[in-house]
Amino acid sequence: MVFINPKTDFAFKKIFGSEESKDILISFLNALLYQGDQNIEDLTIINPYLAPRIRGVKDTYLDVKAKLKTGETVIIEMQVLNVEGFEKRILYNAAKAYSLQLDIRESYSRLNPVIALTITDFIMFPQFDKLTSRFALKETEFLVDYLVYDIELVFVELPKFTKSLEDLETVADKWLYFLKEARRLGEVPENMEEVPEIQKAFRLAHQANLTREELDDLEHREIFIQDQRNAIIKATNQGLAQGRQQGLEQGLEQGLEQGLEQGLEQGKKQAQIEIARKLLDILDEDLVSQKTGLTLEEVLQLKQISTDEDG
């Protein structure tokens, strides 16, 4: 069997955002948001997957949106590329989903919480090793929650998930392994078949179940993502090369300036010593120090050297 890559946002929406994906999405969200507790019993998928045609850069991401039975809106996105402004877009989409709940003159009390769950295929927070990070409004000094806990940003960084197939324990482990490794698998692992929703996700990800149109769209999407990744790598390498060249030029310039300053300083010192040698024959040590700028200790050392040479 050949499985499509769930990390491609096109495939991600097909697997988790289709009309038949409700049970898959409930299992996925309970595992990643609530540590496996069955907090979500029912939801409605908003704008379900309808085999969209992908054309160029405009459709740069396809998120999954669901409204929970308890009123919350959840935005789920798989992000493969660490593009400029991505972190702002996540916050913008969450705030937009929150504000669009109300019509004109409706009471703010009708607003329901929004959770933005983002799975990244890159390290977003290198300062800590946590796989899952949660952000909400808090008081900056005492870290007390704001009076309403209505917008939460949740990030799952796939590169930080390093468990092997044999080490999978929780349903969350199995979902993350599915996201990372499904493309490389030739069959559904036995220990993952135990979760019916994951088994169903594998069926949706089975390449043989895709239409020719879907396969074409998926291929174009993967090529687009690879091109973007290569562009980022190229830009990074060019930036590093330019930085090294600028650093070298600045280093040479600074080196010349520093060398000139050191040369002038050394020349000035040598001139002071030569003048002091001549003055020692006619002036006492204190006056020589005052006239040349040398310290009294330096003048005394110079006098001792001259005496030893004469002796």
Protein backbone atom coordinates (compact mmCIF):
# COMPACT_ATOMS: atom_id res chain seq x y z
CA MET A 1 0.00 0.00 0.00
CA VAL A 2 1.05 3.57 -0.67
CA PHE A 3 -0.11 6.37 1.64
CA ILE A 4 -0.15 10.08 0.85
CA ASN A 5 1.80 12.46 3.05
CA PRO A 6 -0.55 13.74 5.80
CA LYS A 7 1.79 16.67 6.44
CA THR A 8 0.86 18.18 3.09
CA ASP A 9 -1.95 20.58 3.99
CA PHE A 10 -4.00 19.32 1.03
CA ALA A 11 -3.84 15.74 2.34
CA PHE A 12 -4.29 16.93 5.93
CA LYS A 13 -7.60 18.57 5.05
CA LYS A 14 -8.77 15.49 3.15
CA ILE A 15 -8.02 13.20 6.11
CA PHE A 16 -9.21 15.42 8.96
CA GLY A 17 -11.62 17.82 7.26
CA SER A 18 -13.83 15.66 5.05
CA GLU A 19 -17.51 15.12 5.79
CA GLU A 20 -16.70 11.54 6.76
CA SER A 21 -13.88 12.62 9.08
CA LYS A 22 -15.90 13.65 12.13
CA ASP A 23 -14.88 10.67 14.28
CA ILE A 24 -11.25 11.00 13.10
CA LEU A 25 -11.14 14.68 14.07
CA ILE A 26 -12.77 14.06 17.46
CA SER A 27 -10.18 11.40 18.30
CA PHE A 28 -7.34 13.62 17.05
CA LEU A 29 -8.43 16.69 19.04
CA ASN A 30 -9.13 14.76 22.24
CA ALA A 31 -5.65 13.22 22.00
CA LEU A 32 -3.73 16.42 21.28
CA LEU A 33 -5.75 18.98 23.25
CA TYR A 34 -7.04 16.96 26.20
CA GLN A 35 -4.44 14.20 26.74
CA GLY A 36 -6.85 11.52 25.58
CA ASP A 37 -9.79 12.53 27.77
CA GLN A 38 -13.08 12.38 25.88
CA ASN A 39 -13.89 16.06 26.37
CA ILE A 40 -15.16 16.41 22.80
CA GLU A 41 -18.18 14.26 22.09
CA ASP A 42 -19.48 15.91 18.95
CA LEU A 43 -18.52 18.63 16.46
CA THR A 44 -19.42 20.08 13.10
CA ILE A 45 -16.76 20.44 10.42
CA ILE A 46 -16.99 23.89 8.84
CA ASN A 47 -16.34 24.12 5.08
CA PRO A 48 -15.47 20.42 4.68
CA TYR A 49 -12.99 19.17 2.10
CA LEU A 50 -14.42 19.15 -1.42
CA ALA A 51 -11.39 18.14 -3.52
CA PRO A 52 -10.41 21.75 -4.33
CA ARG A 53 -8.24 22.56 -7.30
CA ILE A 54 -4.96 24.11 -6.15
CA ARG A 55 -3.63 26.88 -8.31
CA GLY A 56 -0.33 28.59 -7.53
CA VAL A 57 0.65 30.54 -4.49
CA LYS A 58 -2.72 32.02 -3.53
CA ASP A 59 -3.95 28.94 -1.66
CA THR A 60 -0.89 28.66 0.55
CA TYR A 61 -2.68 26.79 3.33
CA LEU A 62 -5.82 24.75 3.85
CA ASP A 63 -6.94 24.68 7.45
CA VAL A 64 -9.64 22.58 9.10
CA LYS A 65 -12.32 24.34 11.14
CA ALA A 66 -14.78 22.72 13.50
CA LYS A 67 -17.41 23.93 15.92
CA LEU A 68 -17.68 21.84 19.06
CA LYS A 69 -21.00 20.88 20.59
CA THR A 70 -20.06 23.01 23.60
CA GLY A 71 -19.71 26.12 21.41
CA GLU A 72 -15.96 26.46 20.96
CA THR A 73 -14.44 26.92 17.51
CA VAL A 74 -11.26 24.99 16.75
CA ILE A 75 -8.95 25.91 13.87
CA ILE A 76 -6.53 23.13 12.96
CA GLU A 77 -3.65 23.75 10.60
CA MET A 78 -0.68 21.72 9.38
CA GLN A 79 2.23 24.03 8.58
CA VAL A 80 5.17 22.58 6.67
CA LEU A 81 7.08 25.79 5.83
CA ASN A 82 8.33 28.37 8.30
CA VAL A 83 7.39 31.36 6.18
CA GLU A 84 7.59 35.05 7.00
CA GLY A 85 4.60 36.28 9.05
CA PHE A 86 3.34 32.78 9.84
CA GLU A 87 3.17 33.41 13.60
CA LYS A 88 1.14 36.60 13.03
CA ARG A 89 -1.24 34.79 10.69
CA ILE A 90 -2.05 32.22 13.38
CA LEU A 91 -2.96 34.98 15.83
CA TYR A 92 -4.89 36.89 13.16
CA ASN A 93 -6.96 33.87 12.16
CA ALA A 94 -7.82 33.11 15.79
CA ALA A 95 -8.82 36.72 16.47
CA LYS A 96 -10.81 36.85 13.23
CA ALA A 97 -12.69 33.65 14.05
CA TYR A 98 -13.45 35.08 17.49
CA SER A 99 -14.73 38.45 16.23
CA LEU A 100 -16.82 37.07 13.36
CA GLN A 101 -19.08 35.18 15.75
CA LEU A 102 -21.18 38.29 16.36
CA ASP A 103 -23.53 40.16 14.09
CA ILE A 104 -24.17 43.88 14.53
CA ARG A 105 -25.65 44.77 17.95
CA GLU A 106 -25.26 41.25 19.33
CA SER A 107 -24.07 41.03 22.93
CA TYR A 108 -20.41 40.22 23.64
CA SER A 109 -21.63 37.60 26.09
CA ARG A 110 -22.50 35.45 23.08
CA LEU A 111 -18.81 35.06 22.15
CA ASN A 112 -17.45 31.54 22.52
CA PRO A 113 -13.81 30.50 22.92
CA VAL A 114 -11.52 29.86 19.95
CA ILE A 115 -8.68 27.34 19.98
CA ALA A 116 -6.05 27.49 17.23
CA LEU A 117 -4.19 24.17 17.02
CA THR A 118 -1.15 24.35 14.74
CA ILE A 119 1.09 21.39 13.93
CA THR A 120 4.45 22.52 12.54
CA ASP A 121 7.00 20.47 10.63
CA PHE A 122 9.77 22.69 11.98
CA ILE A 123 11.06 23.85 15.36
CA MET A 124 9.20 26.98 16.40
CA PHE A 125 10.33 27.33 20.02
CA PRO A 126 13.97 26.18 20.33
CA GLN A 127 14.21 27.62 23.83
CA PHE A 128 12.43 24.58 25.33
CA ASP A 129 11.98 20.89 24.57
CA LYS A 130 8.21 20.67 25.11
CA LEU A 131 6.38 18.97 22.27
CA THR A 132 3.15 20.89 22.89
CA SER A 133 3.06 24.58 23.84
CA ARG A 134 -0.02 26.51 24.93
CA PHE A 135 -0.42 30.29 24.91
CA ALA A 136 -3.21 32.42 26.37
CA LEU A 137 -3.73 35.94 27.73
CA LYS A 138 -2.05 36.36 31.13
CA GLU A 139 -0.96 39.17 33.43
CA THR A 140 2.74 39.69 32.67
CA GLU A 141 4.08 39.86 36.25
CA PHE A 142 1.97 37.36 38.20
CA LEU A 143 0.99 35.18 35.19
CA VAL A 144 -2.67 35.27 36.21
CA ASP A 145 -5.17 34.34 33.49
CA TYR A 146 -7.29 37.06 31.96
CA LEU A 147 -10.90 37.07 33.17
CA VAL A 148 -12.05 35.15 30.10
CA TYR A 149 -10.00 32.28 28.65
CA ASP A 150 -11.39 32.74 25.16
CA ILE A 151 -8.41 32.59 22.78
CA GLU A 152 -5.83 29.84 23.09
CA LEU A 153 -2.96 29.08 20.72
CA VAL A 154 -1.67 25.51 20.80
CA PHE A 155 1.45 24.45 18.90
CA VAL A 156 2.71 20.92 18.31
CA GLU A 157 6.24 20.75 16.87
CA LEU A 158 6.65 17.47 14.98
CA PRO A 159 10.48 17.45 14.94
CA LYS A 160 10.37 17.21 18.75
CA PHE A 161 8.42 13.94 18.51
CA THR A 162 11.08 11.24 18.28
CA LYS A 163 9.35 8.04 19.46
CA SER A 164 9.76 4.89 17.42
CA LEU A 165 6.88 2.58 16.47
CA GLU A 166 7.66 0.28 19.40
CA ASP A 167 7.59 3.16 21.89
CA LEU A 168 4.10 4.44 21.08
CA GLU A 169 1.93 4.48 24.21
CA THR A 170 -0.86 7.04 24.02
CA VAL A 171 -3.36 7.80 21.28
CA ALA A 172 -1.57 11.14 20.85
CA ASP A 173 1.69 9.26 20.21
CA LYS A 174 0.00 7.23 17.49
CA TRP A 175 -1.55 10.25 15.81
CA LEU A 176 1.78 12.07 15.73
CA TYR A 177 3.52 8.98 14.39
CA PHE A 178 0.83 8.80 11.70
CA LEU A 179 1.54 12.39 10.67
CA LYS A 180 5.30 11.89 10.56
CA GLU A 181 5.63 8.41 9.12
CA ALA A 182 2.50 7.42 7.15
CA ARG A 183 4.15 8.31 3.85
CA ARG A 184 6.99 5.84 4.55
CA LEU A 185 4.78 2.95 5.66
CA GLY A 186 3.69 0.11 3.41
CA GLU A 187 0.93 -1.12 5.72
CA VAL A 188 -0.93 -0.13 8.87
CA PRO A 189 1.14 -1.13 11.94
CA GLU A 190 -0.61 -3.57 14.27
CA ASN A 191 -0.34 -1.37 17.35
CA MET A 192 -2.03 1.47 15.46
CA GLU A 193 -4.91 -0.65 14.20
CA GLU A 194 -6.14 -0.70 17.82
CA VAL A 195 -7.49 2.84 17.31
CA PRO A 196 -10.43 2.63 14.84
CA GLU A 197 -10.16 6.32 13.92
CA ILE A 198 -6.48 5.97 12.99
CA GLN A 199 -7.28 2.88 10.93
CA LYS A 200 -9.91 4.94 9.10
CA ALA A 201 -7.39 7.76 8.60
CA PHE A 202 -5.05 5.30 6.90
CA ARG A 203 -7.90 4.32 4.56
CA LEU A 204 -8.46 7.95 3.60
CA ALA A 205 -4.71 8.37 3.13
CA HIS A 206 -4.46 5.29 0.89
CA GLN A 207 -3.34 6.60 -2.48
CA ALA A 208 -5.51 4.08 -4.32
CA ASN A 209 -8.61 5.77 -2.89
CA LEU A 210 -7.81 9.12 -4.49
CA THR A 211 -9.20 10.27 -7.81
CA ARG A 212 -6.88 11.19 -10.66
CA GLU A 213 -7.77 14.83 -10.09
CA GLU A 214 -6.84 14.57 -6.40
CA LEU A 215 -3.54 12.88 -7.23
CA ASP A 216 -2.72 15.67 -9.67
CA ASP A 217 -3.57 18.31 -7.08
CA LEU A 218 -1.50 16.54 -4.46
CA GLU A 219 1.48 16.27 -6.80
CA HIS A 220 1.29 19.98 -7.66
CA ARG A 221 1.03 20.82 -3.98
CA GLU A 222 4.06 18.75 -3.05
CA ILE A 223 6.07 20.30 -5.88
CA PHE A 224 5.02 23.77 -4.74
CA ILE A 225 6.03 23.04 -1.15
CA GLN A 226 9.38 21.58 -2.23
CA ASP A 227 10.04 24.61 -4.43
CA GLN A 228 9.26 26.92 -1.52
CA ARG A 229 11.50 24.91 0.79
CA ASN A 230 14.33 25.07 -1.74
CA ALA A 231 13.79 28.81 -2.13
CA ILE A 232 14.09 29.26 1.63
CA ILE A 233 17.29 27.18 1.69
CA LYS A 234 18.74 29.15 -1.23
CA ALA A 235 17.87 32.49 0.37
CA THR A 236 19.38 31.34 3.66
CA ASN A 237 22.61 30.21 1.98
CA GLN A 238 22.85 33.45 0.02
CA GLY A 239 22.29 35.43 3.20
CA LEU A 240 25.01 33.48 4.99
CA ALA A 241 27.45 33.95 2.09
CA GLN A 242 26.71 37.66 1.93
CA GLY A 243 27.11 37.92 5.70
CA ARG A 244 30.47 36.14 5.56
CA GLN A 245 31.69 38.44 2.77
CA GLN A 246 30.56 41.56 4.61
CA GLY A 247 32.14 40.27 7.78
CA LEU A 248 35.41 39.60 5.95
CA GLU A 249 35.43 43.07 4.39
CA GLN A 250 34.61 44.72 7.69
CA GLY A 251 37.23 42.62 9.42
CA LEU A 252 39.91 43.66 6.91
CA GLU A 253 38.89 47.30 7.21
CA GLN A 254 38.87 47.12 10.99
CA GLY A 255 42.15 45.23 10.92
CA LEU A 256 43.82 47.94 8.84
CA GLU A 257 42.48 50.67 11.08
CA GLN A 258 43.49 48.79 14.20
CA GLY A 259 46.95 48.06 12.74
CA LEU A 260 47.45 51.71 11.87
CA GLU A 261 46.40 52.80 15.35
CA GLN A 262 48.68 50.25 16.94
CA GLY A 263 51.56 51.32 14.64
CA LEU A 264 51.08 54.97 15.50
CA GLU A 265 50.89 54.14 19.18
CA GLN A 266 54.04 52.05 19.02
CA GLY A 267 55.83 54.80 17.05
CA LYS A 268 54.80 57.39 19.59
CA LYS A 269 56.09 55.22 22.42
CA GLN A 270 59.41 54.66 20.69
CA ALA A 271 59.79 58.41 20.12
CA GLN A 272 59.13 59.07 23.82
CA ILE A 273 61.81 56.56 24.77
CA GLU A 274 64.40 58.09 22.40
CA ILE A 275 63.70 61.59 23.69
CA ALA A 276 63.91 60.37 27.29
CA ARG A 277 67.30 58.74 26.63
CA LYS A 278 68.72 62.09 25.51
CA LEU A 279 67.09 64.08 28.31
CA LEU A 280 68.40 61.80 31.04
CA ASP A 281 71.85 63.24 30.49
CA ILE A 282 70.74 66.76 31.35
CA LEU A 283 67.55 66.45 33.45
CA ASP A 284 66.49 64.50 36.51
CA GLU A 285 64.03 61.62 36.29
CA ASP A 286 60.96 63.60 37.36
CA LEU A 287 61.44 66.26 34.69
CA VAL A 288 62.08 63.61 32.02
CA SER A 289 58.79 61.94 32.96
CA GLN A 290 56.95 65.27 32.72
CA LYS A 291 58.51 66.21 29.37
CA THR A 292 58.04 62.86 27.62
CA GLY A 293 54.81 61.55 29.10
CA LEU A 294 56.51 58.36 30.31
CA THR A 295 55.81 57.21 33.83
CA LEU A 296 58.47 57.71 36.44
CA GLU A 297 58.87 53.93 36.68
CA GLU A 298 59.46 53.69 32.93
CA VAL A 299 62.06 56.49 33.10
CA LEU A 300 63.88 54.75 35.97
CA GLN A 301 63.91 51.45 34.06
CA LEU A 302 65.24 53.26 30.98
CA LYS A 303 67.97 54.91 33.06
CA GLN A 304 68.98 51.52 34.50
CA ILE A 305 69.21 50.01 31.02
CA SER A 306 71.36 52.92 29.85
CA THR A 307 73.63 52.54 32.87
CA ASP A 308 74.02 48.80 32.24
CA GLU A 309 74.84 49.41 28.57
CA ASP A 310 77.48 52.03 29.48
CA GLY A 311 78.98 49.70 32.09
